[in-house]
C-alpha atoms as a PDB file:
ATOM      1  CA  MET A   1      44.271  12.138  17.706  1.00  0.00           C
ATOM      2  CA  GLY A   2      42.688  11.166  14.439  1.00  0.00           C
ATOM      3  CA  PHE A   3      39.520  13.021  15.412  1.00  0.00           C
ATOM      4  CA  LEU A   4      41.440  16.103  16.691  1.00  0.00           C
ATOM      5  CA  ALA A   5      43.604  16.131  13.579  1.00  0.00           C
ATOM      6  CA  ARG A   6      40.532  16.143  11.364  1.00  0.00           C
ATOM      7  CA  LEU A   7      38.861  18.749  13.585  1.00  0.00           C
ATOM      8  CA  PHE A   8      41.803  21.183  13.342  1.00  0.00           C
ATOM      9  CA  GLY A   9      42.527  20.514   9.693  1.00  0.00           C
ATOM     10  CA  LYS A  10      45.565  18.275  10.030  1.00  0.00           C
ATOM     11  CA  LYS A  11      46.023  15.409   7.627  1.00  0.00           C
ATOM     12  CA  PRO A  12      45.617  11.941   9.203  1.00  0.00           C
ATOM     13  CA  ALA A  13      48.643   9.736   9.473  1.00  0.00           C
ATOM     14  CA  ALA A  14      49.207   6.870   7.046  1.00  0.00           C
ATOM     15  CA  ARG A  15      48.473   4.324   9.801  1.00  0.00           C
ATOM     16  CA  GLU A  16      45.076   5.901  10.445  1.00  0.00           C
ATOM     17  CA  LEU A  17      44.235   5.694   6.754  1.00  0.00           C
ATOM     18  CA  LEU A  18      45.083   2.000   6.655  1.00  0.00           C
ATOM     19  CA  GLU A  19      42.968   1.319   9.752  1.00  0.00           C
ATOM     20  CA  ALA A  20      40.044   3.167   8.193  1.00  0.00           C
ATOM     21  CA  LYS A  21      40.327   1.120   5.009  1.00  0.00           C
ATOM     22  CA  ALA A  22      40.366  -2.081   7.002  1.00  0.00           C
ATOM     23  CA  LYS A  23      37.022  -1.355   8.683  1.00  0.00           C
ATOM     24  CA  PRO A  24      34.017  -2.944   6.966  1.00  0.00           C
ATOM     25  CA  LEU A  25      31.711  -0.500   5.192  1.00  0.00           C
ATOM     26  CA  PRO A  26      28.129  -0.205   6.464  1.00  0.00           C
ATOM     27  CA  ALA A  27      25.476  -1.937   4.420  1.00  0.00           C
ATOM     28  CA  SER A  28      24.210   0.369   1.699  1.00  0.00           C
ATOM     29  CA  PRO A  29      20.514   1.249   1.727  1.00  0.00           C
ATOM     30  CA  PRO A  30      18.364  -0.352  -0.951  1.00  0.00           C
ATOM     31  CA  SER A  31      18.431   1.474  -4.273  1.00  0.00           C
ATOM     32  CA  SER A  32      15.521   3.827  -4.892  1.00  0.00           C
ATOM     33  CA  SER A  33      15.262   2.388  -8.385  1.00  0.00           C
ATOM     34  CA  THR A  34      14.281  -1.024  -7.047  1.00  0.00           C
ATOM     35  CA  THR A  35      10.826  -1.915  -8.363  1.00  0.00           C
ATOM     36  CA  PRO A  36       8.395  -2.041  -5.428  1.00  0.00           C
ATOM     37  CA  ARG A  37       6.489  -5.224  -4.859  1.00  0.00           C
ATOM     38  CA  ARG A  38       2.993  -4.803  -6.187  1.00  0.00           C
ATOM     39  CA  PRO A  39       0.325  -4.977  -3.504  1.00  0.00           C
ATOM     40  CA  ALA A  40      -2.375  -7.592  -3.657  1.00  0.00           C
ATOM     41  CA  PRO A  41      -5.703  -6.616  -5.228  1.00  0.00           C
ATOM     42  CA  PRO A  42      -8.523  -5.377  -3.025  1.00  0.00           C
ATOM     43  CA  ASP A  43     -10.425  -8.264  -1.482  1.00  0.00           C
ATOM     44  CA  HIS A  44     -12.954  -6.277   0.475  1.00  0.00           C
ATOM     45  CA  VAL A  45     -16.100  -4.211   0.056  1.00  0.00           C
ATOM     46  CA  ARG A  46     -16.223  -0.768   1.569  1.00  0.00           C
ATOM     47  CA  PRO A  47     -18.271  -0.866   4.815  1.00  0.00           C
ATOM     48  CA  ASP A  48     -20.379   1.993   3.506  1.00  0.00           C
ATOM     49  CA  ALA A  49     -20.889   0.467   0.052  1.00  0.00           C
ATOM     50  CA  PRO A  50     -24.498  -0.041  -1.124  1.00  0.00           C
ATOM     51  CA  THR A  51     -24.281  -3.837  -0.952  1.00  0.00           C
ATOM     52  CA  GLY A  52     -26.961  -6.271  -1.957  1.00  0.00           C
ATOM     53  CA  PHE A  53     -27.494  -5.118  -5.533  1.00  0.00           C
ATOM     54  CA  GLN A  54     -25.577  -5.905  -8.693  1.00  0.00           C
ATOM     55  CA  PRO A  55     -26.659  -4.286 -11.996  1.00  0.00           C
ATOM     56  CA  PRO A  56     -27.048  -6.494 -15.067  1.00  0.00           C
ATOM     57  CA  GLU A  57     -23.920  -6.938 -17.149  1.00  0.00           C
ATOM     58  CA  PRO A  58     -23.635  -5.267 -20.572  1.00  0.00           C
ATOM     59  CA  VAL A  59     -24.711  -7.495 -23.448  1.00  0.00           C
ATOM     60  CA  GLY A  60     -25.540  -7.068 -27.107  1.00  0.00           C
ATOM     61  CA  ARG A  61     -23.956  -5.451 -30.156  1.00  0.00           C
ATOM     62  CA  PRO A  62     -21.940  -2.333 -29.303  1.00  0.00           C
ATOM     63  CA  LEU A  63     -23.810   0.833 -30.255  1.00  0.00           C
ATOM     64  CA  ALA A  64     -21.515   3.855 -30.520  1.00  0.00           C
ATOM     65  CA  VAL A  65     -22.887   7.102 -29.085  1.00  0.00           C
ATOM     66  CA  LEU A  66     -20.657  10.052 -29.954  1.00  0.00           C
ATOM     67  CA  SER A  67     -21.129  13.440 -28.336  1.00  0.00           C
ATOM     68  CA  ALA A  68     -20.946  16.416 -30.667  1.00  0.00           C
ATOM     69  CA  LEU A  69     -20.482  18.744 -27.679  1.00  0.00           C
ATOM     70  CA  ARG A  70     -17.827  16.751 -25.803  1.00  0.00           C
ATOM     71  CA  VAL A  71     -19.429  17.631 -22.451  1.00  0.00           C
ATOM     72  CA  VAL A  72     -17.498  16.037 -19.584  1.00  0.00           C
ATOM     73  CA  VAL A  73     -19.650  14.021 -17.187  1.00  0.00           C
ATOM     74  CA  GLU A  74     -18.227  12.744 -13.897  1.00  0.00           C
ATOM     75  CA  VAL A  75     -19.226   9.195 -12.992  1.00  0.00           C
ATOM     76  CA  VAL A  76     -20.321   8.844  -9.356  1.00  0.00           C
ATOM     77  CA  GLY A  77     -19.667   6.076  -6.839  1.00  0.00           C
ATOM     78  CA  GLU A  78     -16.220   4.961  -8.062  1.00  0.00           C
ATOM     79  CA  ALA A  79     -14.961   4.863  -4.463  1.00  0.00           C
ATOM     80  CA  TYR A  80     -17.185   1.851  -3.783  1.00  0.00           C
ATOM     81  CA  TYR A  81     -15.626  -0.297  -6.514  1.00  0.00           C
ATOM     82  CA  ASP A  82     -11.917  -0.567  -5.672  1.00  0.00           C
ATOM     83  CA  ARG A  83     -11.655  -4.124  -6.972  1.00  0.00           C
ATOM     84  CA  ALA A  84     -13.194  -3.172 -10.333  1.00  0.00           C
ATOM     85  CA  SER A  85     -10.744  -0.281 -10.720  1.00  0.00           C
ATOM     86  CA  TRP A  86      -7.848  -2.570  -9.838  1.00  0.00           C
ATOM     87  CA  ASP A  87      -8.944  -5.207 -12.357  1.00  0.00           C
ATOM     88  CA  VAL A  88      -9.224  -2.599 -15.129  1.00  0.00           C
ATOM     89  CA  MET A  89      -6.048  -0.610 -14.483  1.00  0.00           C
ATOM     90  CA  ASN A  90      -3.490  -2.675 -12.527  1.00  0.00           C
ATOM     91  CA  SER A  91      -1.508  -3.558 -15.658  1.00  0.00           C
ATOM     92  CA  GLU A  92      -1.324   0.044 -16.924  1.00  0.00           C
ATOM     93  CA  ALA A  93       1.986   1.907 -16.641  1.00  0.00           C
ATOM     94  CA  GLY A  94       1.965   4.347 -13.731  1.00  0.00           C
ATOM     95  CA  PHE A  95      -0.776   2.642 -11.740  1.00  0.00           C
ATOM     96  CA  TYR A  96       1.574   2.087  -8.780  1.00  0.00           C
ATOM     97  CA  THR A  97       3.013   5.618  -8.823  1.00  0.00           C
ATOM     98  CA  ASP A  98       1.744   8.910  -7.412  1.00  0.00           C
ATOM     99  CA  GLU A  99       0.937  10.098 -10.937  1.00  0.00           C
ATOM    100  CA  GLY A 100      -1.412   7.184 -11.552  1.00  0.00           C
ATOM    101  CA  ALA A 101      -2.382   5.687 -14.908  1.00  0.00           C
ATOM    102  CA  GLU A 102      -4.844   6.961 -17.483  1.00  0.00           C
ATOM    103  CA  ARG A 103      -6.637   5.284 -20.383  1.00  0.00           C
ATOM    104  CA  THR A 104      -9.117   6.638 -22.925  1.00  0.00           C
ATOM    105  CA  PHE A 105     -11.868   4.697 -24.687  1.00  0.00           C
ATOM    106  CA  SER A 106     -13.689   5.258 -27.965  1.00  0.00           C
ATOM    107  CA  PRO A 107     -17.302   4.130 -28.442  1.00  0.00           C
ATOM    108  CA  GLY A 108     -18.252   1.123 -30.492  1.00  0.00           C
ATOM    109  CA  SER A 109     -16.235  -1.573 -28.708  1.00  0.00           C
ATOM    110  CA  ALA A 110     -17.409  -4.182 -26.226  1.00  0.00           C
ATOM    111  CA  ASP A 111     -14.079  -3.709 -24.420  1.00  0.00           C
ATOM    112  CA  GLY A 112     -14.782  -0.063 -23.623  1.00  0.00           C
ATOM    113  CA  ILE A 113     -17.254   2.010 -21.610  1.00  0.00           C
ATOM    114  CA  ALA A 114     -20.853   0.792 -21.596  1.00  0.00           C
ATOM    115  CA  LEU A 115     -24.033   2.231 -20.072  1.00  0.00           C
ATOM    116  CA  VAL A 116     -26.545  -0.266 -18.707  1.00  0.00           C
ATOM    117  CA  PRO A 117     -30.011   0.505 -17.282  1.00  0.00           C
ATOM    118  CA  ALA A 118     -30.499  -0.755 -13.729  1.00  0.00           C
ATOM    119  CA  PRO A 119     -34.231  -0.297 -12.982  1.00  0.00           C
ATOM    120  CA  ARG A 120     -34.080  -2.658  -9.978  1.00  0.00           C
ATOM    121  CA  ASN A 121     -31.569  -0.470  -8.171  1.00  0.00           C
ATOM    122  CA  PRO A 122     -33.149  -0.012  -4.718  1.00  0.00           C
ATOM    123  CA  PHE A 123     -32.077   3.640  -4.562  1.00  0.00           C
ATOM    124  CA  ASP A 124     -33.133   4.836  -8.047  1.00  0.00           C
ATOM    125  CA  LYS A 125     -35.350   3.092 -10.594  1.00  0.00           C
ATOM    126  CA  ASN A 126     -33.791   5.269 -13.310  1.00  0.00           C
ATOM    127  CA  ALA A 127     -30.220   4.279 -12.387  1.00  0.00           C
ATOM    128  CA  VAL A 128     -27.729   3.783 -15.219  1.00  0.00           C
ATOM    129  CA  ALA A 129     -24.671   1.686 -14.367  1.00  0.00           C
ATOM    130  CA  VAL A 130     -21.289   2.452 -15.922  1.00  0.00           C
ATOM    131  CA  PHE A 131     -19.096  -0.473 -16.940  1.00  0.00           C
ATOM    132  CA  VAL A 132     -15.460  -0.167 -18.024  1.00  0.00           C
ATOM    133  CA  ARG A 133     -14.086  -3.215 -19.830  1.00  0.00           C
ATOM    134  CA  ARG A 134     -17.110  -5.102 -18.492  1.00  0.00           C
ATOM    135  CA  HIS A 135     -16.352  -4.185 -14.860  1.00  0.00           C
ATOM    136  CA  HIS A 136     -19.016  -2.241 -12.958  1.00  0.00           C
ATOM    137  CA  ILE A 137     -17.278   0.922 -11.813  1.00  0.00           C
ATOM    138  CA  GLY A 138     -20.000   3.460 -10.927  1.00  0.00           C
ATOM    139  CA  TYR A 139     -23.200   5.203 -12.054  1.00  0.00           C
ATOM    140  CA  LEU A 140     -24.332   8.163 -14.085  1.00  0.00           C
ATOM    141  CA  PRO A 141     -25.328  11.122 -11.886  1.00  0.00           C
ATOM    142  CA  ALA A 142     -29.013  10.891 -10.978  1.00  0.00           C
ATOM    143  CA  ASP A 143     -30.098  13.903 -13.049  1.00  0.00           C
ATOM    144  CA  LEU A 144     -28.478  12.541 -16.215  1.00  0.00           C
ATOM    145  CA  ALA A 145     -29.688   9.007 -15.523  1.00  0.00           C
ATOM    146  CA  GLN A 146     -33.267  10.253 -15.436  1.00  0.00           C
ATOM    147  CA  VAL A 147     -32.809  11.668 -18.946  1.00  0.00           C
ATOM    148  CA  TRP A 148     -30.779   8.856 -20.474  1.00  0.00           C
ATOM    149  CA  CYS A 149     -32.395   5.754 -18.950  1.00  0.00           C
ATOM    150  CA  ARG A 150     -35.254   5.567 -21.445  1.00  0.00           C
ATOM    151  CA  THR A 151     -32.975   5.808 -24.477  1.00  0.00           C
ATOM    152  CA  ILE A 152     -30.530   3.241 -23.132  1.00  0.00           C
ATOM    153  CA  LYS A 153     -33.318   0.860 -22.151  1.00  0.00           C
ATOM    154  CA  ALA A 154     -34.833   1.082 -25.647  1.00  0.00           C
ATOM    155  CA  ALA A 155     -31.493   0.238 -27.217  1.00  0.00           C
ATOM    156  CA  CYS A 156     -30.891  -2.680 -24.837  1.00  0.00           C
ATOM    157  CA  GLU A 157     -34.323  -4.129 -25.535  1.00  0.00           C
ATOM    158  CA  GLN A 158     -33.396  -4.267 -29.209  1.00  0.00           C
ATOM    159  CA  GLY A 159     -30.144  -6.083 -28.567  1.00  0.00           C
ATOM    160  CA  TYR A 160     -27.688  -3.174 -28.390  1.00  0.00           C
ATOM    161  CA  MET A 161     -25.055  -2.274 -25.820  1.00  0.00           C
ATOM    162  CA  VAL A 162     -24.702   1.510 -25.551  1.00  0.00           C
ATOM    163  CA  THR A 163     -21.029   2.538 -25.590  1.00  0.00           C
ATOM    164  CA  VAL A 164     -19.649   6.058 -25.135  1.00  0.00           C
ATOM    165  CA  GLN A 165     -16.450   8.073 -25.195  1.00  0.00           C
ATOM    166  CA  GLY A 166     -14.587   8.434 -21.912  1.00  0.00           C
ATOM    167  CA  ARG A 167     -11.430   8.049 -19.840  1.00  0.00           C
ATOM    168  CA  ILE A 168     -10.431   6.460 -16.559  1.00  0.00           C
ATOM    169  CA  TRP A 169      -7.623   7.542 -14.229  1.00  0.00           C
ATOM    170  CA  ALA A 170      -6.612   5.366 -11.307  1.00  0.00           C
ATOM    171  CA  ARG A 171      -3.715   4.688  -8.942  1.00  0.00           C
ATOM    172  CA  SER A 172      -3.032   2.188  -6.199  1.00  0.00           C
ATOM    173  CA  ARG A 173      -2.933   3.673  -2.712  1.00  0.00           C
ATOM    174  CA  GLY A 174      -1.770   0.430  -1.106  1.00  0.00           C
ATOM    175  CA  GLY A 175      -3.677  -1.617   1.417  1.00  0.00           C
ATOM    176  CA  GLY A 176      -6.217  -2.632  -1.189  1.00  0.00           C
ATOM    177  CA  ARG A 177      -7.327   0.958  -1.851  1.00  0.00           C
ATOM    178  CA  VAL A 178      -7.559   2.551  -5.282  1.00  0.00           C
ATOM    179  CA  SER A 179      -8.167   6.182  -6.212  1.00  0.00           C
ATOM    180  CA  THR A 180     -10.312   6.366  -9.341  1.00  0.00           C
ATOM    181  CA  ARG A 181     -11.843   9.022 -11.558  1.00  0.00           C
ATOM    182  CA  VAL A 182     -14.036   8.185 -14.557  1.00  0.00           C
ATOM    183  CA  THR A 183     -15.257  10.872 -16.963  1.00  0.00           C
ATOM    184  CA  LEU A 184     -17.571  10.421 -19.942  1.00  0.00           C
ATOM    185  CA  SER A 185     -18.255  12.520 -23.034  1.00  0.00           C
ATOM    186  CA  LEU A 186     -22.022  12.886 -23.378  1.00  0.00           C
ATOM    187  CA  PRO A 187     -24.498  15.432 -24.718  1.00  0.00           C
ATOM    188  CA  GLU A 188     -26.132  17.724 -22.179  1.00  0.00           C
ATOM    189  CA  SER A 189     -29.356  15.802 -22.618  1.00  0.00           C
ATOM    190  CA  GLY A 190     -30.171  12.370 -23.968  1.00  0.00           C
ATOM    191  CA  SER A 191     -32.739  13.346 -26.564  1.00  0.00           C
ATOM    192  CA  LEU A 192     -32.803  10.156 -28.632  1.00  0.00           C
ATOM    193  CA  TRP A 193     -36.198   8.791 -27.736  1.00  0.00           C
ATOM    194  CA  PRO A 194     -37.332   7.765 -31.201  1.00  0.00           C
ATOM    195  CA  ALA A 195     -40.936   7.187 -32.119  1.00  0.00           C
ATOM    196  CA  ASN A 196     -39.672   5.100 -35.036  1.00  0.00           C
ATOM    197  CA  ALA A 197     -37.747   1.858 -34.546  1.00  0.00           C
ATOM    198  CA  TYR A 198     -34.004   1.378 -34.300  1.00  0.00           C
ATOM    199  CA  PRO A 199     -32.611   0.118 -37.631  1.00  0.00           C
ATOM    200  CA  ASP A 200     -31.461  -3.429 -38.230  1.00  0.00           C
ATOM    201  CA  GLY A 201     -27.740  -4.099 -38.051  1.00  0.00           C
ATOM    202  CA  ASP A 202     -24.915  -2.069 -36.567  1.00  0.00           C
ATOM    203  CA  PHE A 203     -25.018   1.738 -36.513  1.00  0.00           C
ATOM    204  CA  GLY A 204     -23.734   4.726 -34.565  1.00  0.00           C
ATOM    205  CA  ILE A 205     -25.511   7.654 -32.938  1.00  0.00           C
ATOM    206  CA  LEU A 206     -24.111  11.184 -33.125  1.00  0.00           C
ATOM    207  CA  SER A 207     -25.893  13.043 -30.353  1.00  0.00           C
ATOM    208  CA  GLY A 208     -25.849  16.704 -29.367  1.00  0.00           C
ATOM    209  CA  ASP A 209     -28.003  19.670 -28.382  1.00  0.00           C
ATOM    210  CA  TYR A 210     -27.410  21.841 -31.454  1.00  0.00           C
ATOM    211  CA  LEU A 211     -30.539  22.037 -33.649  1.00  0.00           C
ATOM    212  CA  ARG A 212     -29.646  21.969 -37.342  1.00  0.00           C
ATOM    213  CA  LYS A 213     -32.163  22.617 -40.083  1.00  0.00           C
ATOM    214  CA  VAL A 214     -32.809  20.210 -42.915  1.00  0.00           C
ATOM    215  CA  THR A 215     -33.351  22.158 -46.132  1.00  0.00           C
ATOM    216  CA  GLN A 216     -35.881  21.527 -48.921  1.00  0.00           C
ATOM    217  CA  ALA A 217     -38.396  20.125 -46.429  1.00  0.00           C
ATOM    218  CA  SER A 218     -41.213  21.591 -48.525  1.00  0.00           C
ATOM    219  CA  ARG A 219     -40.534  18.915 -51.155  1.00  0.00           C
ATOM    220  CA  HIS A 220     -41.133  16.113 -48.669  1.00  0.00           C
ATOM    221  CA  GLN A 221     -44.229  17.174 -46.761  1.00  0.00           C
ATOM    222  CA  ASP A 222     -46.030  13.868 -47.313  1.00  0.00           C
ATOM    223  CA  ALA A 223     -43.170  11.917 -45.689  1.00  0.00           C
ATOM    224  CA  LEU A 224     -42.716  14.356 -42.811  1.00  0.00           C
ATOM    225  CA  ILE A 225     -46.158  15.460 -41.716  1.00  0.00           C
ATOM    226  CA  ALA A 226     -47.054  12.093 -40.135  1.00  0.00           C
ATOM    227  CA  TRP A 227     -44.155  12.556 -37.689  1.00  0.00           C
ATOM    228  CA  THR A 228     -45.130  16.039 -36.496  1.00  0.00           C
ATOM    229  CA  GLY A 229     -44.095  16.670 -32.899  1.00  0.00           C
ATOM    230  CA  LYS A 230     -42.410  13.294 -32.453  1.00  0.00           C
ATOM    231  CA  ASP A 231     -38.802  12.489 -31.587  1.00  0.00           C
ATOM    232  CA  LEU A 232     -37.196  10.499 -34.383  1.00  0.00           C
ATOM    233  CA  LEU A 233     -34.040   8.625 -35.246  1.00  0.00           C
ATOM    234  CA  VAL A 234     -32.775  10.234 -38.458  1.00  0.00           C
ATOM    235  CA  GLU A 235     -30.011   8.785 -40.620  1.00  0.00           C
ATOM    236  CA  LEU A 236     -27.338  11.071 -42.051  1.00  0.00           C
ATOM    237  CA  ARG A 237     -26.017   9.848 -45.394  1.00  0.00           C
ATOM    238  CA  ASP A 238     -23.755  11.443 -47.984  1.00  0.00           C
ATOM    239  CA  ILE A 239     -25.678  11.791 -51.248  1.00  0.00           C
ATOM    240  CA  ASP A 240     -23.906  13.533 -54.126  1.00  0.00           C
ATOM    241  CA  GLY A 241     -21.390  15.179 -51.792  1.00  0.00           C
ATOM    242  CA  ARG A 242     -23.895  16.557 -49.249  1.00  0.00           C
ATOM    243  CA  LEU A 243     -25.206  15.026 -46.029  1.00  0.00           C
ATOM    244  CA  ASN A 244     -28.887  14.192 -46.355  1.00  0.00           C
ATOM    245  CA  ALA A 245     -31.448  13.288 -43.715  1.00  0.00           C
ATOM    246  CA  LEU A 246     -33.363  10.027 -44.109  1.00  0.00           C
ATOM    247  CA  ILE A 247     -36.295   8.790 -42.030  1.00  0.00           C
ATOM    248  CA  ASP A 248     -36.773   5.030 -42.205  1.00  0.00           C
ATOM    249  CA  GLY A 249     -34.666   4.998 -45.376  1.00  0.00           C
ATOM    250  CA  ILE A 250     -36.618   7.791 -47.133  1.00  0.00           C
ATOM    251  CA  PRO A 251     -34.560  10.925 -48.048  1.00  0.00           C
ATOM    252  CA  VAL A 252     -36.258  14.067 -46.713  1.00  0.00           C
ATOM    253  CA  GLY A 253     -33.721  16.774 -47.569  1.00  0.00           C
ATOM    254  CA  PRO A 254     -30.044  17.800 -47.292  1.00  0.00           C
ATOM    255  CA  LEU A 255     -28.416  19.619 -44.386  1.00  0.00           C
ATOM    256  CA  THR A 256     -27.099  23.135 -44.814  1.00  0.00           C
ATOM    257  CA  LYS A 257     -23.549  23.488 -46.104  1.00  0.00           C
ATOM    258  CA  ALA A 258     -22.343  24.718 -42.715  1.00  0.00           C
ATOM    259  CA  SER A 259     -23.836  21.678 -40.956  1.00  0.00           C
ATOM    260  CA  HIS A 260     -22.383  19.387 -43.608  1.00  0.00           C
ATOM    261  CA  ASP A 261     -18.901  20.827 -43.131  1.00  0.00           C
ATOM    262  CA  THR A 262     -19.156  20.401 -39.347  1.00  0.00           C
ATOM    263  CA  LEU A 263     -20.615  16.902 -39.248  1.00  0.00           C
ATOM    264  CA  ALA A 264     -19.165  15.177 -42.317  1.00  0.00           C
ATOM    265  CA  PRO A 265     -15.860  14.163 -40.647  1.00  0.00           C
ATOM    266  CA  ARG A 266     -17.732  12.518 -37.762  1.00  0.00           C
ATOM    267  CA  VAL A 267     -20.267  10.811 -39.989  1.00  0.00           C
ATOM    268  CA  ALA A 268     -17.479   9.354 -42.128  1.00  0.00           C
ATOM    269  CA  THR A 269     -16.131   7.449 -39.128  1.00  0.00           C
ATOM    270  CA  THR A 270     -19.423   5.968 -37.886  1.00  0.00           C
ATOM    271  CA  GLN A 271     -21.342   4.866 -40.956  1.00  0.00           C
ATOM    272  CA  PRO A 272     -24.236   4.377 -40.853  1.00  0.00           C
ATOM    273  CA  THR A 273     -24.796   7.352 -38.550  1.00  0.00           C
ATOM    274  CA  TYR A 274     -28.039   8.434 -36.893  1.00  0.00           C
ATOM    275  CA  VAL A 275     -29.046  11.563 -34.985  1.00  0.00           C
ATOM    276  CA  GLY A 276     -32.120  12.661 -33.079  1.00  0.00           C
ATOM    277  CA  GLY A 277     -34.650  14.735 -35.001  1.00  0.00           C
ATOM    278  CA  ILE A 278     -38.006  16.405 -34.578  1.00  0.00           C
ATOM    279  CA  VAL A 279     -40.620  17.552 -37.086  1.00  0.00           C
ATOM    280  CA  ARG A 280     -42.109  20.948 -36.212  1.00  0.00           C
ATOM    281  CA  PRO A 281     -45.188  22.607 -37.731  1.00  0.00           C
ATOM    282  CA  THR A 282     -44.479  25.835 -39.648  1.00  0.00           C
ATOM    283  CA  GLY A 283     -48.040  26.498 -40.778  1.00  0.00           C
ATOM    284  CA  THR A 284     -51.422  24.856 -40.994  1.00  0.00           C
ATOM    285  CA  THR A 285     -50.277  22.327 -43.619  1.00  0.00           C
ATOM    286  CA  SER A 286     -46.487  22.605 -43.593  1.00  0.00           C
ATOM    287  CA  VAL A 287     -43.721  21.225 -41.384  1.00  0.00           C
ATOM    288  CA  ALA A 288     -39.940  21.491 -41.028  1.00  0.00           C
ATOM    289  CA  LEU A 289     -37.370  18.971 -39.845  1.00  0.00           C
ATOM    290  CA  GLU A 290     -34.550  19.750 -37.400  1.00  0.00           C
ATOM    291  CA  VAL A 291     -31.890  17.332 -36.196  1.00  0.00           C
ATOM    292  CA  ARG A 292     -29.903  17.399 -32.975  1.00  0.00           C
ATOM    293  CA  ALA A 293     -26.199  17.026 -33.596  1.00  0.00           C
END
């Protein structure tokens, strides 16, 4: 009758209510707010991973390479390095959720993103390995590696570790799998292949593909003409309120006011700052200097 009474809208009797209260309640399902148990880290290598080769680890003084253009470059091969991604990101908030976790890195720190030449890579002698917090996590795309490998190798040979701007996003997929995406901020071309030597001590490189003229070059022809047609490392230094170009410590002219206004905030954060430059002939006995920034 209790069922029929409820079916036809009649109130249950008092005895039925007491019997219902006496019945034990079913066990409640676990709360959705319960923190899930974190899965163990990956302990495997993907079957299709290019095994048998490990690039050299990043060493040396961090050399900051800042991109003036902020071009986004996608690192390749992250899917092969689940354990590296886990080691870098497992403690970040959101790593075990569908949204994943994200972290950005600025250049100039050993605990950031480093580019390391890997000439013994069996698939590409120009390969450039990407390390995040000293964990190998992928490679530069082959076309960019071909351009950048010479610059990075030159810096490494002089005791520097090339560091760049970038970000990493990752999330645990369970079962030892990690989804990862690493993006870097690089110029469209690595044009810093200096004919002159890297300076002593720490410094930063501001690299880009915009050519900016150095004014008053006619006053410094003797210092410039020997470098005609060669790629150079040019220092930018504030002299009397205007950014000036220096080659091996010798001032060779100020930048235009527009270039000063654009670059001064960046230079102020990476002193001493260097850019790529080239000396071009403008006549039979005259040359001009342009810098890439």
